[in-house]
Amino acid sequence: LHHRVRRLVLVTKDRLLRFGSELLFRICAIHGVEVVILDADEDIPKEQQLTEDLVEILTVF
């Protein structure tokens, strides 16, 4: 990132990456890049998010 990016703004958490976004967010944190998610799904239970992710995987493959 070489200090060229200060902030990463996403509409939703999975807009940039459907899977593995936590790894990218961790890399951003290490390099001092702030990640802003405009439409955070904090009110959706983790179980429902996982179910939706699994259905998406099965649909794609």
N, C-alpha and C. Protein backbone atom coordinates (compact mmCIF):
# COMPACT_ATOMS: atom_id res chain seq x y z
N LEU A 1 0.82 -1.20 0.00
CA LEU A 1 0.00 0.00 0.00
C LEU A 1 0.86 1.26 0.00
N HIS A 2 2.05 1.15 0.50
CA HIS A 2 3.06 2.20 0.42
C HIS A 2 2.53 3.59 0.78
N HIS A 3 1.65 3.66 1.74
CA HIS A 3 1.12 4.93 2.28
C HIS A 3 0.40 5.77 1.22
N ARG A 4 -0.11 5.15 0.18
CA ARG A 4 -0.86 5.87 -0.84
C ARG A 4 -2.36 5.82 -0.57
N VAL A 5 -2.78 4.87 0.25
CA VAL A 5 -4.21 4.72 0.56
C VAL A 5 -4.39 4.95 2.05
N ARG A 6 -5.28 5.86 2.39
CA ARG A 6 -5.56 6.13 3.81
C ARG A 6 -6.86 5.51 4.27
N ARG A 7 -7.82 5.42 3.33
CA ARG A 7 -9.15 4.94 3.72
C ARG A 7 -9.73 4.12 2.57
N LEU A 8 -10.36 3.01 2.93
CA LEU A 8 -11.07 2.16 1.98
C LEU A 8 -12.54 2.22 2.35
N VAL A 9 -13.37 2.77 1.48
CA VAL A 9 -14.80 2.93 1.75
C VAL A 9 -15.57 1.93 0.89
N LEU A 10 -16.38 1.10 1.55
CA LEU A 10 -17.19 0.09 0.87
C LEU A 10 -18.66 0.32 1.19
N VAL A 11 -19.52 0.03 0.24
CA VAL A 11 -20.96 0.13 0.49
C VAL A 11 -21.38 -0.99 1.44
N THR A 12 -20.98 -2.22 1.13
CA THR A 12 -21.25 -3.36 2.00
C THR A 12 -19.95 -4.13 2.22
N LYS A 13 -19.92 -4.94 3.24
CA LYS A 13 -18.70 -5.68 3.60
C LYS A 13 -18.22 -6.59 2.48
N ASP A 14 -19.14 -7.21 1.77
CA ASP A 14 -18.74 -8.16 0.73
C ASP A 14 -18.69 -7.54 -0.66
N ARG A 15 -18.72 -6.23 -0.76
CA ARG A 15 -18.69 -5.58 -2.07
C ARG A 15 -17.35 -5.76 -2.77
N LEU A 16 -16.27 -5.74 -2.03
CA LEU A 16 -14.94 -5.92 -2.61
C LEU A 16 -14.60 -7.39 -2.77
N LEU A 17 -14.82 -8.16 -1.72
CA LEU A 17 -14.55 -9.60 -1.71
C LEU A 17 -15.73 -10.31 -1.07
N ARG A 18 -16.21 -11.34 -1.69
CA ARG A 18 -17.31 -12.11 -1.09
C ARG A 18 -16.81 -12.91 0.10
N PHE A 19 -15.62 -13.49 -0.04
CA PHE A 19 -15.04 -14.29 1.03
C PHE A 19 -13.62 -13.81 1.29
N GLY A 20 -13.17 -13.93 2.51
CA GLY A 20 -11.81 -13.54 2.85
C GLY A 20 -11.65 -12.07 3.15
N SER A 21 -12.75 -11.37 3.32
CA SER A 21 -12.65 -9.93 3.58
C SER A 21 -11.96 -9.63 4.90
N GLU A 22 -12.11 -10.51 5.89
CA GLU A 22 -11.47 -10.27 7.18
C GLU A 22 -9.95 -10.22 7.04
N LEU A 23 -9.40 -11.06 6.18
CA LEU A 23 -7.96 -11.05 5.93
C LEU A 23 -7.54 -9.71 5.31
N LEU A 24 -8.29 -9.25 4.33
CA LEU A 24 -7.98 -7.96 3.70
C LEU A 24 -8.08 -6.83 4.72
N PHE A 25 -9.11 -6.87 5.56
CA PHE A 25 -9.27 -5.82 6.57
C PHE A 25 -8.12 -5.83 7.56
N ARG A 26 -7.62 -7.01 7.89
CA ARG A 26 -6.46 -7.12 8.79
C ARG A 26 -5.21 -6.54 8.14
N ILE A 27 -5.01 -6.84 6.88
CA ILE A 27 -3.87 -6.28 6.14
C ILE A 27 -3.97 -4.76 6.10
N CYS A 28 -5.16 -4.25 5.86
CA CYS A 28 -5.36 -2.80 5.87
C CYS A 28 -5.01 -2.21 7.23
N ALA A 29 -5.43 -2.86 8.30
CA ALA A 29 -5.13 -2.37 9.64
C ALA A 29 -3.63 -2.35 9.90
N ILE A 30 -2.94 -3.37 9.47
CA ILE A 30 -1.48 -3.43 9.65
C ILE A 30 -0.80 -2.26 8.94
N HIS A 31 -1.33 -1.87 7.79
CA HIS A 31 -0.73 -0.79 7.01
C HIS A 31 -1.35 0.57 7.31
N GLY A 32 -2.20 0.64 8.33
CA GLY A 32 -2.78 1.92 8.73
C GLY A 32 -3.87 2.44 7.83
N VAL A 33 -4.52 1.55 7.10
CA VAL A 33 -5.62 1.94 6.21
C VAL A 33 -6.94 1.74 6.95
N GLU A 34 -7.71 2.81 7.05
CA GLU A 34 -9.02 2.74 7.70
C GLU A 34 -10.02 2.12 6.73
N VAL A 35 -10.81 1.17 7.21
CA VAL A 35 -11.85 0.55 6.39
C VAL A 35 -13.20 1.04 6.91
N VAL A 36 -13.97 1.65 6.02
CA VAL A 36 -15.29 2.17 6.37
C VAL A 36 -16.33 1.39 5.58
N ILE A 37 -17.28 0.79 6.29
CA ILE A 37 -18.37 0.05 5.64
C ILE A 37 -19.64 0.84 5.87
N LEU A 38 -20.24 1.34 4.80
CA LEU A 38 -21.40 2.22 4.92
C LEU A 38 -22.66 1.49 5.36
N ASP A 39 -22.89 0.29 4.84
CA ASP A 39 -24.10 -0.46 5.16
C ASP A 39 -23.71 -1.72 5.91
N ALA A 40 -23.28 -1.55 7.15
CA ALA A 40 -22.83 -2.69 7.96
C ALA A 40 -24.03 -3.55 8.35
N ASP A 41 -23.87 -4.88 8.24
CA ASP A 41 -24.94 -5.82 8.58
C ASP A 41 -24.80 -6.30 10.02
N GLU A 42 -24.57 -5.39 10.94
CA GLU A 42 -24.36 -5.77 12.32
C GLU A 42 -25.62 -6.33 12.97
N ASP A 43 -26.79 -5.96 12.44
CA ASP A 43 -28.04 -6.44 13.03
C ASP A 43 -28.42 -7.83 12.55
N ILE A 44 -27.74 -8.35 11.52
CA ILE A 44 -28.01 -9.69 11.02
C ILE A 44 -27.15 -10.68 11.81
N PRO A 45 -27.79 -11.70 12.40
CA PRO A 45 -27.03 -12.68 13.19
C PRO A 45 -25.96 -13.38 12.35
N LYS A 46 -24.86 -13.74 13.01
CA LYS A 46 -23.75 -14.42 12.33
C LYS A 46 -24.21 -15.71 11.67
N GLU A 47 -25.14 -16.44 12.31
CA GLU A 47 -25.63 -17.69 11.76
C GLU A 47 -26.33 -17.46 10.42
N GLN A 48 -27.12 -16.40 10.34
CA GLN A 48 -27.82 -16.09 9.10
C GLN A 48 -26.82 -15.68 8.02
N GLN A 49 -25.81 -14.91 8.38
CA GLN A 49 -24.78 -14.52 7.41
C GLN A 49 -24.06 -15.76 6.88
N LEU A 50 -23.73 -16.69 7.78
CA LEU A 50 -23.06 -17.92 7.38
C LEU A 50 -23.94 -18.74 6.44
N THR A 51 -25.22 -18.85 6.77
CA THR A 51 -26.16 -19.59 5.92
C THR A 51 -26.24 -18.97 4.53
N GLU A 52 -26.33 -17.65 4.47
CA GLU A 52 -26.39 -16.97 3.18
C GLU A 52 -25.11 -17.19 2.39
N ASP A 53 -23.96 -17.18 3.06
CA ASP A 53 -22.69 -17.43 2.39
C ASP A 53 -22.62 -18.84 1.82
N LEU A 54 -23.09 -19.82 2.59
CA LEU A 54 -23.07 -21.21 2.13
C LEU A 54 -23.99 -21.40 0.92
N VAL A 55 -25.16 -20.79 0.96
CA VAL A 55 -26.08 -20.87 -0.17
C VAL A 55 -25.44 -20.23 -1.40
N GLU A 56 -24.76 -19.12 -1.21
CA GLU A 56 -24.09 -18.46 -2.33
C GLU A 56 -23.00 -19.35 -2.93
N ILE A 57 -22.24 -20.01 -2.09
CA ILE A 57 -21.19 -20.93 -2.56
C ILE A 57 -21.81 -22.06 -3.37
N LEU A 58 -22.87 -22.66 -2.84
CA LEU A 58 -23.52 -23.77 -3.54
C LEU A 58 -24.13 -23.31 -4.87
N THR A 59 -24.64 -22.10 -4.90
CA THR A 59 -25.23 -21.58 -6.13
C THR A 59 -24.17 -21.35 -7.20
N VAL A 60 -23.03 -20.84 -6.79
CA VAL A 60 -21.96 -20.54 -7.75
C VAL A 60 -21.33 -21.81 -8.29
N PHE A 61 -21.10 -22.79 -7.42
CA PHE A 61 -20.43 -24.01 -7.83
C PHE A 61 -21.43 -25.10 -8.12
